[in-house]
Amino acid sequence: MTTEEGFISGELVWSWDAYQISNSAIIHFDIALGSAVEVGTLYNQVRSWGLQRYTFSGGGSGCRYWIYCLISKMAEMQWIHADWVGRMWSHLSYQYSREVAPKVIEIKMGTFNTQKDWEDEYE
């Protein structure tokens, strides 16, 4: 989920990359799968859950809430182990930097819109 600077409507972007970890990554998490899931299945579920209709909260932490919601839904489907839900909330609650120690931040919850509201506002 991404958005352009100054905008709050989310855009769900799917892409294939030839690397596992970005060169600019400060921290990463290896989430163990509870069962195999194909990318197409995950894509369809994300749309079924309405996660593509997200409006960011602003302030730079709204994407963290979206990630938490995705992790929660994946745990409900038993695609990942349920303990990852709490673990990710803890990890997402920090701002990471190469220069200073991680700092606790507030995760600001965005809004998941109904299909009609999303179409009226953004399409």
Foldseek 3Di string as FASTA:
>chain_A
DDDDPPFFWDADDDDDDPDDDDPPDQDDDDFDFQDDDDPVRLVVVCVVVQLRGWGAPDDPQQVLQSVLVSVCVCVVVRRTPPVVSVVSVVVSQWDGDPPDHTDGDDRDHIDRDDPVVSVVPPD
